[in-house]
Amino acid sequence: MTEPQCYHHSHLYHAMIDQLEQIARTFDAAAPDDLRSRIIECVGDLGVWPMGIFNGQDEGKIIAVTA
C-alpha cells in the first residue's frame, strides 16, 4: 500500500529544510534534549504534529492518519 503524501508550498518546505540543516550544524551534544525540541518546533512551524496531541478543536485543512 502506498503511503499518503503531504505537499506544502515550496518556500515553506525549503525553509523547514534550511532550519533542520541549521539545527544539525549547531547541535550541542551536551544538550541533547534541545535537539529534539528544536526539531519538533521546526516541523511544527510547517503544521506537522502527532495525532496524539489532537484534541478535536484545532482542526486544520487535512488530518492524515496512516497505519
N, C-alpha and C. Protein backbone atom coordinates (compact mmCIF):
# COMPACT_ATOMS: atom_id res chain seq x y z
N MET A 1 0.84 -1.18 0.00
CA MET A 1 0.00 0.00 0.00
C MET A 1 0.88 1.25 0.00
N THR A 2 0.54 2.20 -0.79
CA THR A 2 1.30 3.45 -0.86
C THR A 2 0.86 4.39 0.26
N GLU A 3 1.82 4.94 0.93
CA GLU A 3 1.53 5.89 1.99
C GLU A 3 1.02 7.20 1.39
N PRO A 4 0.08 7.89 2.06
CA PRO A 4 -0.39 9.17 1.56
C PRO A 4 0.73 10.20 1.58
N GLN A 5 0.67 11.11 0.66
CA GLN A 5 1.68 12.17 0.57
C GLN A 5 1.09 13.48 1.08
N CYS A 6 1.95 14.32 1.58
CA CYS A 6 1.53 15.64 2.05
C CYS A 6 2.43 16.66 1.37
N TYR A 7 1.84 17.57 0.64
CA TYR A 7 2.61 18.58 -0.09
C TYR A 7 2.40 19.96 0.54
N HIS A 8 3.49 20.70 0.61
CA HIS A 8 3.45 22.06 1.15
C HIS A 8 4.00 23.01 0.09
N HIS A 9 3.73 24.29 0.24
CA HIS A 9 4.30 25.28 -0.66
C HIS A 9 5.83 25.14 -0.62
N SER A 10 6.45 25.27 -1.77
CA SER A 10 7.89 25.05 -1.87
C SER A 10 8.69 25.93 -0.92
N HIS A 11 8.29 27.20 -0.78
CA HIS A 11 9.06 28.10 0.09
C HIS A 11 8.99 27.63 1.55
N LEU A 12 7.85 27.09 1.98
CA LEU A 12 7.74 26.59 3.35
C LEU A 12 8.58 25.33 3.53
N TYR A 13 8.53 24.46 2.54
CA TYR A 13 9.32 23.22 2.58
C TYR A 13 10.80 23.53 2.67
N HIS A 14 11.27 24.43 1.81
CA HIS A 14 12.70 24.76 1.80
C HIS A 14 13.12 25.51 3.07
N ALA A 15 12.22 26.31 3.61
CA ALA A 15 12.52 26.98 4.88
C ALA A 15 12.69 25.96 5.99
N MET A 16 11.85 24.91 5.99
CA MET A 16 11.98 23.86 7.01
C MET A 16 13.30 23.12 6.83
N ILE A 17 13.67 22.79 5.60
CA ILE A 17 14.93 22.10 5.34
C ILE A 17 16.10 22.97 5.81
N ASP A 18 16.03 24.27 5.52
CA ASP A 18 17.09 25.18 5.97
C ASP A 18 17.19 25.20 7.50
N GLN A 19 16.03 25.21 8.18
CA GLN A 19 16.03 25.21 9.64
C GLN A 19 16.62 23.91 10.18
N LEU A 20 16.23 22.79 9.59
CA LEU A 20 16.76 21.50 10.04
C LEU A 20 18.27 21.41 9.82
N GLU A 21 18.73 21.95 8.70
CA GLU A 21 20.17 21.96 8.44
C GLU A 21 20.90 22.80 9.49
N GLN A 22 20.34 23.95 9.82
CA GLN A 22 20.94 24.82 10.82
C GLN A 22 20.96 24.13 12.19
N ILE A 23 19.89 23.44 12.52
CA ILE A 23 19.83 22.70 13.79
C ILE A 23 20.94 21.65 13.83
N ALA A 24 21.10 20.92 12.74
CA ALA A 24 22.13 19.87 12.69
C ALA A 24 23.52 20.46 12.80
N ARG A 25 23.76 21.58 12.14
CA ARG A 25 25.09 22.18 12.14
C ARG A 25 25.47 22.79 13.48
N THR A 26 24.47 23.16 14.28
CA THR A 26 24.76 23.80 15.57
C THR A 26 24.44 22.88 16.74
N PHE A 27 24.29 21.59 16.47
CA PHE A 27 23.97 20.62 17.53
C PHE A 27 25.02 20.63 18.62
N ASP A 28 24.55 20.70 19.85
CA ASP A 28 25.43 20.66 21.02
C ASP A 28 25.17 19.34 21.75
N ALA A 29 26.12 18.44 21.68
CA ALA A 29 25.96 17.11 22.29
C ALA A 29 25.73 17.20 23.80
N ALA A 30 26.11 18.31 24.40
CA ALA A 30 25.91 18.47 25.84
C ALA A 30 24.45 18.79 26.18
N ALA A 31 23.64 19.10 25.17
CA ALA A 31 22.23 19.42 25.40
C ALA A 31 21.36 18.65 24.41
N PRO A 32 21.34 17.31 24.50
CA PRO A 32 20.59 16.52 23.51
C PRO A 32 19.09 16.77 23.51
N ASP A 33 18.50 17.13 24.66
CA ASP A 33 17.07 17.41 24.69
C ASP A 33 16.73 18.64 23.86
N ASP A 34 17.65 19.58 23.79
CA ASP A 34 17.44 20.78 22.99
C ASP A 34 17.30 20.41 21.52
N LEU A 35 18.04 19.41 21.05
CA LEU A 35 17.96 18.99 19.65
C LEU A 35 16.54 18.54 19.31
N ARG A 36 15.99 17.67 20.13
CA ARG A 36 14.63 17.16 19.89
C ARG A 36 13.62 18.30 19.91
N SER A 37 13.71 19.18 20.87
CA SER A 37 12.78 20.32 20.97
C SER A 37 12.86 21.21 19.74
N ARG A 38 14.06 21.48 19.29
CA ARG A 38 14.23 22.34 18.12
C ARG A 38 13.67 21.70 16.86
N ILE A 39 13.84 20.38 16.71
CA ILE A 39 13.29 19.68 15.54
C ILE A 39 11.76 19.69 15.61
N ILE A 40 11.18 19.43 16.78
CA ILE A 40 9.72 19.45 16.94
C ILE A 40 9.17 20.83 16.59
N GLU A 41 9.82 21.88 17.05
CA GLU A 41 9.38 23.24 16.74
C GLU A 41 9.47 23.51 15.24
N CYS A 42 10.53 23.03 14.62
CA CYS A 42 10.74 23.26 13.20
C CYS A 42 9.63 22.62 12.36
N VAL A 43 9.35 21.35 12.59
CA VAL A 43 8.30 20.70 11.79
C VAL A 43 6.92 21.20 12.21
N GLY A 44 6.77 21.60 13.46
CA GLY A 44 5.51 22.18 13.91
C GLY A 44 5.20 23.49 13.21
N ASP A 45 6.23 24.27 12.91
CA ASP A 45 6.04 25.52 12.17
C ASP A 45 5.42 25.25 10.80
N LEU A 46 5.65 24.06 10.26
CA LEU A 46 5.07 23.68 8.97
C LEU A 46 3.70 23.02 9.16
N GLY A 47 3.30 22.83 10.40
CA GLY A 47 1.99 22.26 10.69
C GLY A 47 1.99 20.75 10.78
N VAL A 48 3.14 20.16 11.09
CA VAL A 48 3.25 18.71 11.22
C VAL A 48 3.27 18.36 12.70
N TRP A 49 2.22 17.64 13.14
CA TRP A 49 2.08 17.31 14.55
C TRP A 49 1.63 15.86 14.69
N PRO A 50 1.96 15.20 15.80
CA PRO A 50 1.50 13.82 16.01
C PRO A 50 0.00 13.80 16.33
N MET A 51 -0.66 12.76 15.90
CA MET A 51 -2.10 12.62 16.13
C MET A 51 -2.42 12.59 17.62
N GLY A 52 -1.49 12.13 18.44
CA GLY A 52 -1.72 12.01 19.87
C GLY A 52 -2.03 13.32 20.57
N ILE A 53 -1.66 14.45 19.99
CA ILE A 53 -1.96 15.73 20.64
C ILE A 53 -3.20 16.39 20.09
N PHE A 54 -3.84 15.77 19.09
CA PHE A 54 -5.06 16.34 18.51
C PHE A 54 -6.19 16.28 19.53
N ASN A 55 -6.85 17.41 19.78
CA ASN A 55 -7.91 17.45 20.77
C ASN A 55 -9.29 17.67 20.15
N GLY A 56 -9.36 17.67 18.83
CA GLY A 56 -10.65 17.83 18.16
C GLY A 56 -11.06 19.27 17.94
N GLN A 57 -10.29 20.21 18.47
CA GLN A 57 -10.65 21.62 18.33
C GLN A 57 -9.70 22.38 17.42
N ASP A 58 -8.53 21.82 17.16
CA ASP A 58 -7.52 22.53 16.37
C ASP A 58 -7.51 22.03 14.93
N GLU A 59 -8.66 21.76 14.38
CA GLU A 59 -8.72 21.16 13.06
C GLU A 59 -8.05 22.03 12.00
N GLY A 60 -7.24 21.37 11.21
CA GLY A 60 -6.61 22.02 10.07
C GLY A 60 -7.35 21.66 8.81
N LYS A 61 -6.74 21.92 7.69
CA LYS A 61 -7.36 21.59 6.42
C LYS A 61 -7.36 20.10 6.17
N ILE A 62 -6.32 19.40 6.65
CA ILE A 62 -6.19 17.97 6.40
C ILE A 62 -5.73 17.28 7.66
N ILE A 63 -6.34 16.17 7.96
CA ILE A 63 -5.85 15.29 9.01
C ILE A 63 -5.59 13.95 8.35
N ALA A 64 -4.35 13.51 8.33
CA ALA A 64 -3.98 12.26 7.69
C ALA A 64 -3.62 11.24 8.76
N VAL A 65 -4.23 10.10 8.69
CA VAL A 65 -3.92 9.02 9.63
C VAL A 65 -3.44 7.83 8.82
N THR A 66 -2.26 7.33 9.16
CA THR A 66 -1.73 6.15 8.48
C THR A 66 -1.46 5.07 9.50
N ALA A 67 -1.50 3.86 9.04
CA ALA A 67 -1.28 2.73 9.95
C ALA A 67 0.19 2.53 10.20
